[in-house]
Amino acid sequence: MARSLKFRRGRKLDWDSEIERLNRTASGQRRIVMGSDGSAQVTRVRLLSRYANLRARTEGRVLVLELAP
């Protein structure tokens, strides 16, 4: 199971760095706890439009990032 990341409210993530970390993980998965269900869904759509090698899904307020095959 991938580690779950929790961030304090209002913290901005550097998505380029997060994708680089995802590329380096052995499991090929990152789980990030977002502020709300809606922010996880909006972030998912934005990331999918920006990165071609990414699969993303949400589980409530958890954003699950995976490398596309």
PDB file of N, CA and C in Angstrom:
ATOM      1  N   MET A   1       0.854  -1.181   0.000  1.00  0.00           N
ATOM      2  CA  MET A   1       0.000   0.000   0.000  1.00  0.00           C
ATOM      3  C   MET A   1       0.891   1.233   0.000  1.00  0.00           C
ATOM      4  N   ALA A   2       0.532   2.178  -0.822  1.00  0.00           N
ATOM      5  CA  ALA A   2       1.305   3.410  -0.898  1.00  0.00           C
ATOM      6  C   ALA A   2       1.056   4.279   0.329  1.00  0.00           C
ATOM      7  N   ARG A   3       2.038   5.072   0.645  1.00  0.00           N
ATOM      8  CA  ARG A   3       1.937   5.984   1.783  1.00  0.00           C
ATOM      9  C   ARG A   3       0.942   7.095   1.464  1.00  0.00           C
ATOM     10  N   SER A   4       0.186   7.508   2.428  1.00  0.00           N
ATOM     11  CA  SER A   4      -0.781   8.588   2.264  1.00  0.00           C
ATOM     12  C   SER A   4      -0.170   9.892   2.767  1.00  0.00           C
ATOM     13  N   LEU A   5      -0.275  10.939   1.981  1.00  0.00           N
ATOM     14  CA  LEU A   5       0.285  12.237   2.352  1.00  0.00           C
ATOM     15  C   LEU A   5      -0.822  13.159   2.832  1.00  0.00           C
ATOM     16  N   LYS A   6      -0.608  13.807   3.956  1.00  0.00           N
ATOM     17  CA  LYS A   6      -1.562  14.781   4.477  1.00  0.00           C
ATOM     18  C   LYS A   6      -0.857  16.122   4.599  1.00  0.00           C
ATOM     19  N   PHE A   7      -1.512  17.169   4.149  1.00  0.00           N
ATOM     20  CA  PHE A   7      -0.932  18.501   4.176  1.00  0.00           C
ATOM     21  C   PHE A   7      -1.836  19.432   4.960  1.00  0.00           C
ATOM     22  N   ARG A   8      -1.220  20.371   5.642  1.00  0.00           N
ATOM     23  CA  ARG A   8      -2.039  21.328   6.385  1.00  0.00           C
ATOM     24  C   ARG A   8      -2.804  22.211   5.395  1.00  0.00           C
ATOM     25  N   ARG A   9      -3.871  22.729   5.869  1.00  0.00           N
ATOM     26  CA  ARG A   9      -4.770  23.533   5.038  1.00  0.00           C
ATOM     27  C   ARG A   9      -4.041  24.742   4.456  1.00  0.00           C
ATOM     28  N   GLY A  10      -4.254  24.981   3.183  1.00  0.00           N
ATOM     29  CA  GLY A  10      -3.683  26.148   2.535  1.00  0.00           C
ATOM     30  C   GLY A  10      -2.299  25.923   1.928  1.00  0.00           C
ATOM     31  N   ARG A  11      -1.713  24.754   2.136  1.00  0.00           N
ATOM     32  CA  ARG A  11      -0.390  24.491   1.579  1.00  0.00           C
ATOM     33  C   ARG A  11      -0.502  24.218   0.082  1.00  0.00           C
ATOM     34  N   LYS A  12       0.372  24.812  -0.686  1.00  0.00           N
ATOM     35  CA  LYS A  12       0.397  24.608  -2.134  1.00  0.00           C
ATOM     36  C   LYS A  12       1.381  23.484  -2.456  1.00  0.00           C
ATOM     37  N   LEU A  13       0.977  22.597  -3.348  1.00  0.00           N
ATOM     38  CA  LEU A  13       1.845  21.518  -3.780  1.00  0.00           C
ATOM     39  C   LEU A  13       2.518  21.892  -5.089  1.00  0.00           C
ATOM     40  N   ASP A  14       3.758  21.495  -5.238  1.00  0.00           N
ATOM     41  CA  ASP A  14       4.478  21.639  -6.502  1.00  0.00           C
ATOM     42  C   ASP A  14       4.227  20.342  -7.273  1.00  0.00           C
ATOM     43  N   TRP A  15       3.300  20.383  -8.223  1.00  0.00           N
ATOM     44  CA  TRP A  15       2.885  19.164  -8.893  1.00  0.00           C
ATOM     45  C   TRP A  15       3.986  18.572  -9.754  1.00  0.00           C
ATOM     46  N   ASP A  16       4.874  19.390 -10.303  1.00  0.00           N
ATOM     47  CA  ASP A  16       5.999  18.839 -11.061  1.00  0.00           C
ATOM     48  C   ASP A  16       6.870  17.969 -10.156  1.00  0.00           C
ATOM     49  N   SER A  17       7.117  18.431  -8.937  1.00  0.00           N
ATOM     50  CA  SER A  17       7.899  17.642  -7.976  1.00  0.00           C
ATOM     51  C   SER A  17       7.161  16.378  -7.567  1.00  0.00           C
ATOM     52  N   GLU A  18       5.858  16.475  -7.379  1.00  0.00           N
ATOM     53  CA  GLU A  18       5.071  15.296  -7.007  1.00  0.00           C
ATOM     54  C   GLU A  18       5.111  14.243  -8.119  1.00  0.00           C
ATOM     55  N   ILE A  19       5.033  14.666  -9.374  1.00  0.00           N
ATOM     56  CA  ILE A  19       5.086  13.725 -10.494  1.00  0.00           C
ATOM     57  C   ILE A  19       6.479  13.102 -10.597  1.00  0.00           C
ATOM     58  N   GLU A  20       7.526  13.882 -10.346  1.00  0.00           N
ATOM     59  CA  GLU A  20       8.885  13.325 -10.326  1.00  0.00           C
ATOM     60  C   GLU A  20       9.014  12.266  -9.234  1.00  0.00           C
ATOM     61  N   ARG A  21       8.461  12.534  -8.055  1.00  0.00           N
ATOM     62  CA  ARG A  21       8.482  11.549  -6.966  1.00  0.00           C
ATOM     63  C   ARG A  21       7.707  10.293  -7.349  1.00  0.00           C
ATOM     64  N   LEU A  22       6.575  10.491  -8.014  1.00  0.00           N
ATOM     65  CA  LEU A  22       5.781   9.358  -8.474  1.00  0.00           C
ATOM     66  C   LEU A  22       6.594   8.501  -9.436  1.00  0.00           C
ATOM     67  N   ASN A  23       7.332   9.120 -10.333  1.00  0.00           N
ATOM     68  CA  ASN A  23       8.159   8.384 -11.290  1.00  0.00           C
ATOM     69  C   ASN A  23       9.253   7.582 -10.592  1.00  0.00           C
ATOM     70  N   ARG A  24       9.701   8.022  -9.420  1.00  0.00           N
ATOM     71  CA  ARG A  24      10.774   7.338  -8.687  1.00  0.00           C
ATOM     72  C   ARG A  24      10.266   6.263  -7.729  1.00  0.00           C
ATOM     73  N   THR A  25       8.963   6.194  -7.471  1.00  0.00           N
ATOM     74  CA  THR A  25       8.451   5.224  -6.495  1.00  0.00           C
ATOM     75  C   THR A  25       8.457   3.814  -7.067  1.00  0.00           C
ATOM     76  N   ALA A  26       8.732   2.857  -6.205  1.00  0.00           N
ATOM     77  CA  ALA A  26       8.737   1.456  -6.619  1.00  0.00           C
ATOM     78  C   ALA A  26       7.323   0.968  -6.937  1.00  0.00           C
ATOM     79  N   SER A  27       6.352   1.450  -6.172  1.00  0.00           N
ATOM     80  CA  SER A  27       4.970   0.998  -6.365  1.00  0.00           C
ATOM     81  C   SER A  27       4.285   1.688  -7.539  1.00  0.00           C
ATOM     82  N   GLY A  28       4.803   2.843  -7.951  1.00  0.00           N
ATOM     83  CA  GLY A  28       4.175   3.586  -9.042  1.00  0.00           C
ATOM     84  C   GLY A  28       2.876   4.248  -8.633  1.00  0.00           C
ATOM     85  N   GLN A  29       2.707   4.488  -7.321  1.00  0.00           N
ATOM     86  CA  GLN A  29       1.466   5.086  -6.830  1.00  0.00           C
ATOM     87  C   GLN A  29       1.749   6.072  -5.709  1.00  0.00           C
ATOM     88  N   ARG A  30       0.999   7.175  -5.706  1.00  0.00           N
ATOM     89  CA  ARG A  30       1.039   8.156  -4.609  1.00  0.00           C
ATOM     90  C   ARG A  30      -0.393   8.459  -4.211  1.00  0.00           C
ATOM     91  N   ARG A  31      -0.626   8.558  -2.912  1.00  0.00           N
ATOM     92  CA  ARG A  31      -1.946   8.899  -2.373  1.00  0.00           C
ATOM     93  C   ARG A  31      -1.801  10.212  -1.619  1.00  0.00           C
ATOM     94  N   ILE A  32      -2.602  11.193  -2.002  1.00  0.00           N
ATOM     95  CA  ILE A  32      -2.514  12.516  -1.405  1.00  0.00           C
ATOM     96  C   ILE A  32      -3.888  12.895  -0.872  1.00  0.00           C
ATOM     97  N   VAL A  33      -3.957  13.197   0.423  1.00  0.00           N
ATOM     98  CA  VAL A  33      -5.217  13.609   1.038  1.00  0.00           C
ATOM     99  C   VAL A  33      -5.403  15.095   0.778  1.00  0.00           C
ATOM    100  N   MET A  34      -6.463  15.424   0.074  1.00  0.00           N
ATOM    101  CA  MET A  34      -6.762  16.801  -0.282  1.00  0.00           C
ATOM    102  C   MET A  34      -7.711  17.400   0.762  1.00  0.00           C
ATOM    103  N   GLY A  35      -8.027  18.673   0.596  1.00  0.00           N
ATOM    104  CA  GLY A  35      -8.876  19.366   1.553  1.00  0.00           C
ATOM    105  C   GLY A  35     -10.323  18.931   1.526  1.00  0.00           C
ATOM    106  N   SER A  36     -10.820  18.533   0.341  1.00  0.00           N
ATOM    107  CA  SER A  36     -12.216  18.113   0.217  1.00  0.00           C
ATOM    108  C   SER A  36     -12.355  17.203  -0.995  1.00  0.00           C
ATOM    109  N   ASP A  37     -13.529  16.572  -1.112  1.00  0.00           N
ATOM    110  CA  ASP A  37     -13.806  15.726  -2.273  1.00  0.00           C
ATOM    111  C   ASP A  37     -13.718  16.537  -3.563  1.00  0.00           C
ATOM    112  N   GLY A  38     -14.298  17.732  -3.532  1.00  0.00           N
ATOM    113  CA  GLY A  38     -14.328  18.592  -4.714  1.00  0.00           C
ATOM    114  C   GLY A  38     -12.946  19.031  -5.164  1.00  0.00           C
ATOM    115  N   SER A  39     -12.086  19.382  -4.214  1.00  0.00           N
ATOM    116  CA  SER A  39     -10.737  19.809  -4.594  1.00  0.00           C
ATOM    117  C   SER A  39      -9.940  18.636  -5.157  1.00  0.00           C
ATOM    118  N   ALA A  40     -10.179  17.431  -4.659  1.00  0.00           N
ATOM    119  CA  ALA A  40      -9.511  16.251  -5.214  1.00  0.00           C
ATOM    120  C   ALA A  40      -9.962  16.001  -6.646  1.00  0.00           C
ATOM    121  N   GLN A  41     -11.259  16.166  -6.927  1.00  0.00           N
ATOM    122  CA  GLN A  41     -11.781  15.937  -8.271  1.00  0.00           C
ATOM    123  C   GLN A  41     -11.286  16.987  -9.254  1.00  0.00           C
ATOM    124  N   VAL A  42     -11.278  18.245  -8.852  1.00  0.00           N
ATOM    125  CA  VAL A  42     -10.796  19.322  -9.723  1.00  0.00           C
ATOM    126  C   VAL A  42      -9.304  19.147 -10.008  1.00  0.00           C
ATOM    127  N   THR A  43      -8.539  18.811  -8.990  1.00  0.00           N
ATOM    128  CA  THR A  43      -7.101  18.597  -9.162  1.00  0.00           C
ATOM    129  C   THR A  43      -6.848  17.422 -10.089  1.00  0.00           C
ATOM    130  N   ARG A  44      -7.631  16.368  -9.959  1.00  0.00           N
ATOM    131  CA  ARG A  44      -7.509  15.194 -10.828  1.00  0.00           C
ATOM    132  C   ARG A  44      -7.667  15.600 -12.286  1.00  0.00           C
ATOM    133  N   VAL A  45      -8.688  16.360 -12.600  1.00  0.00           N
ATOM    134  CA  VAL A  45      -8.941  16.781 -13.984  1.00  0.00           C
ATOM    135  C   VAL A  45      -7.800  17.650 -14.497  1.00  0.00           C
ATOM    136  N   ARG A  46      -7.329  18.566 -13.687  1.00  0.00           N
ATOM    137  CA  ARG A  46      -6.228  19.445 -14.103  1.00  0.00           C
ATOM    138  C   ARG A  46      -4.942  18.671 -14.355  1.00  0.00           C
ATOM    139  N   LEU A  47      -4.642  17.709 -13.482  1.00  0.00           N
ATOM    140  CA  LEU A  47      -3.428  16.916 -13.661  1.00  0.00           C
ATOM    141  C   LEU A  47      -3.509  16.028 -14.893  1.00  0.00           C
ATOM    142  N   LEU A  48      -4.677  15.435 -15.143  1.00  0.00           N
ATOM    143  CA  LEU A  48      -4.833  14.580 -16.323  1.00  0.00           C
ATOM    144  C   LEU A  48      -4.667  15.374 -17.621  1.00  0.00           C
ATOM    145  N   SER A  49      -5.087  16.622 -17.622  1.00  0.00           N
ATOM    146  CA  SER A  49      -4.924  17.433 -18.827  1.00  0.00           C
ATOM    147  C   SER A  49      -3.484  17.903 -19.010  1.00  0.00           C
ATOM    148  N   ARG A  50      -2.705  17.884 -17.937  1.00  0.00           N
ATOM    149  CA  ARG A  50      -1.331  18.402 -17.990  1.00  0.00           C
ATOM    150  C   ARG A  50      -0.281  17.312 -18.221  1.00  0.00           C
ATOM    151  N   TYR A  51      -0.498  16.109 -17.688  1.00  0.00           N
ATOM    152  CA  TYR A  51       0.501  15.037 -17.753  1.00  0.00           C
ATOM    153  C   TYR A  51      -0.040  13.838 -18.531  1.00  0.00           C
ATOM    154  N   ALA A  52       0.694  13.417 -19.565  1.00  0.00           N
ATOM    155  CA  ALA A  52       0.244  12.327 -20.429  1.00  0.00           C
ATOM    156  C   ALA A  52       0.475  10.950 -19.810  1.00  0.00           C
ATOM    157  N   ASN A  53       1.487  10.803 -18.974  1.00  0.00           N
ATOM    158  CA  ASN A  53       1.837   9.483 -18.436  1.00  0.00           C
ATOM    159  C   ASN A  53       1.172   9.202 -17.092  1.00  0.00           C
ATOM    160  N   LEU A  54       0.045   9.819 -16.827  1.00  0.00           N
ATOM    161  CA  LEU A  54      -0.571   9.773 -15.509  1.00  0.00           C
ATOM    162  C   LEU A  54      -1.967   9.180 -15.569  1.00  0.00           C
ATOM    163  N   ARG A  55      -2.262   8.326 -14.576  1.00  0.00           N
ATOM    164  CA  ARG A  55      -3.637   7.914 -14.310  1.00  0.00           C
ATOM    165  C   ARG A  55      -3.971   8.451 -12.934  1.00  0.00           C
ATOM    166  N   ALA A  56      -5.151   8.998 -12.786  1.00  0.00           N
ATOM    167  CA  ALA A  56      -5.544   9.569 -11.497  1.00  0.00           C
ATOM    168  C   ALA A  56      -6.996   9.209 -11.217  1.00  0.00           C
ATOM    169  N   ARG A  57      -7.266   8.964  -9.939  1.00  0.00           N
ATOM    170  CA  ARG A  57      -8.639   8.706  -9.499  1.00  0.00           C
ATOM    171  C   ARG A  57      -8.796   9.281  -8.099  1.00  0.00           C
ATOM    172  N   THR A  58     -10.024   9.412  -7.685  1.00  0.00           N
ATOM    173  CA  THR A  58     -10.277   9.920  -6.343  1.00  0.00           C
ATOM    174  C   THR A  58     -11.027   8.870  -5.544  1.00  0.00           C
ATOM    175  N   GLU A  59     -10.736   8.861  -4.256  1.00  0.00           N
ATOM    176  CA  GLU A  59     -11.461   8.040  -3.277  1.00  0.00           C
ATOM    177  C   GLU A  59     -11.875   9.006  -2.173  1.00  0.00           C
ATOM    178  N   GLY A  60     -13.026   9.633  -2.361  1.00  0.00           N
ATOM    179  CA  GLY A  60     -13.412  10.696  -1.442  1.00  0.00           C
ATOM    180  C   GLY A  60     -12.476  11.865  -1.611  1.00  0.00           C
ATOM    181  N   ARG A  61     -11.818  12.275  -0.537  1.00  0.00           N
ATOM    182  CA  ARG A  61     -10.890  13.402  -0.645  1.00  0.00           C
ATOM    183  C   ARG A  61      -9.441  12.980  -0.878  1.00  0.00           C
ATOM    184  N   VAL A  62      -9.244  11.682  -1.130  1.00  0.00           N
ATOM    185  CA  VAL A  62      -7.909  11.150  -1.423  1.00  0.00           C
ATOM    186  C   VAL A  62      -7.706  11.114  -2.937  1.00  0.00           C
ATOM    187  N   LEU A  63      -6.648  11.746  -3.390  1.00  0.00           N
ATOM    188  CA  LEU A  63      -6.255  11.744  -4.803  1.00  0.00           C
ATOM    189  C   LEU A  63      -5.201  10.663  -4.975  1.00  0.00           C
ATOM    190  N   VAL A  64      -5.496   9.687  -5.821  1.00  0.00           N
ATOM    191  CA  VAL A  64      -4.581   8.559  -6.065  1.00  0.00           C
ATOM    192  C   VAL A  64      -3.959   8.759  -7.438  1.00  0.00           C
ATOM    193  N   LEU A  65      -2.632   8.905  -7.450  1.00  0.00           N
ATOM    194  CA  LEU A  65      -1.896   9.087  -8.703  1.00  0.00           C
ATOM    195  C   LEU A  65      -1.142   7.812  -9.016  1.00  0.00           C
ATOM    196  N   GLU A  66      -1.215   7.382 -10.289  1.00  0.00           N
ATOM    197  CA  GLU A  66      -0.504   6.185 -10.732  1.00  0.00           C
ATOM    198  C   GLU A  66       0.115   6.458 -12.093  1.00  0.00           C
ATOM    199  N   LEU A  67       1.195   5.747 -12.375  1.00  0.00           N
ATOM    200  CA  LEU A  67       1.825   5.859 -13.685  1.00  0.00           C
ATOM    201  C   LEU A  67       1.014   5.075 -14.698  1.00  0.00           C
ATOM    202  N   ALA A  68       0.799   5.660 -15.862  1.00  0.00           N
ATOM    203  CA  ALA A  68       0.091   4.971 -16.934  1.00  0.00           C
ATOM    204  C   ALA A  68       1.037   3.980 -17.602  1.00  0.00           C
ATOM    205  N   PRO A  69       0.516   2.825 -18.013  1.00  0.00           N
ATOM    206  CA  PRO A  69       1.389   1.831 -18.651  1.00  0.00           C
ATOM    207  C   PRO A  69       1.872   2.272 -20.024  1.00  0.00           C
TER     208      PRO A  69
END
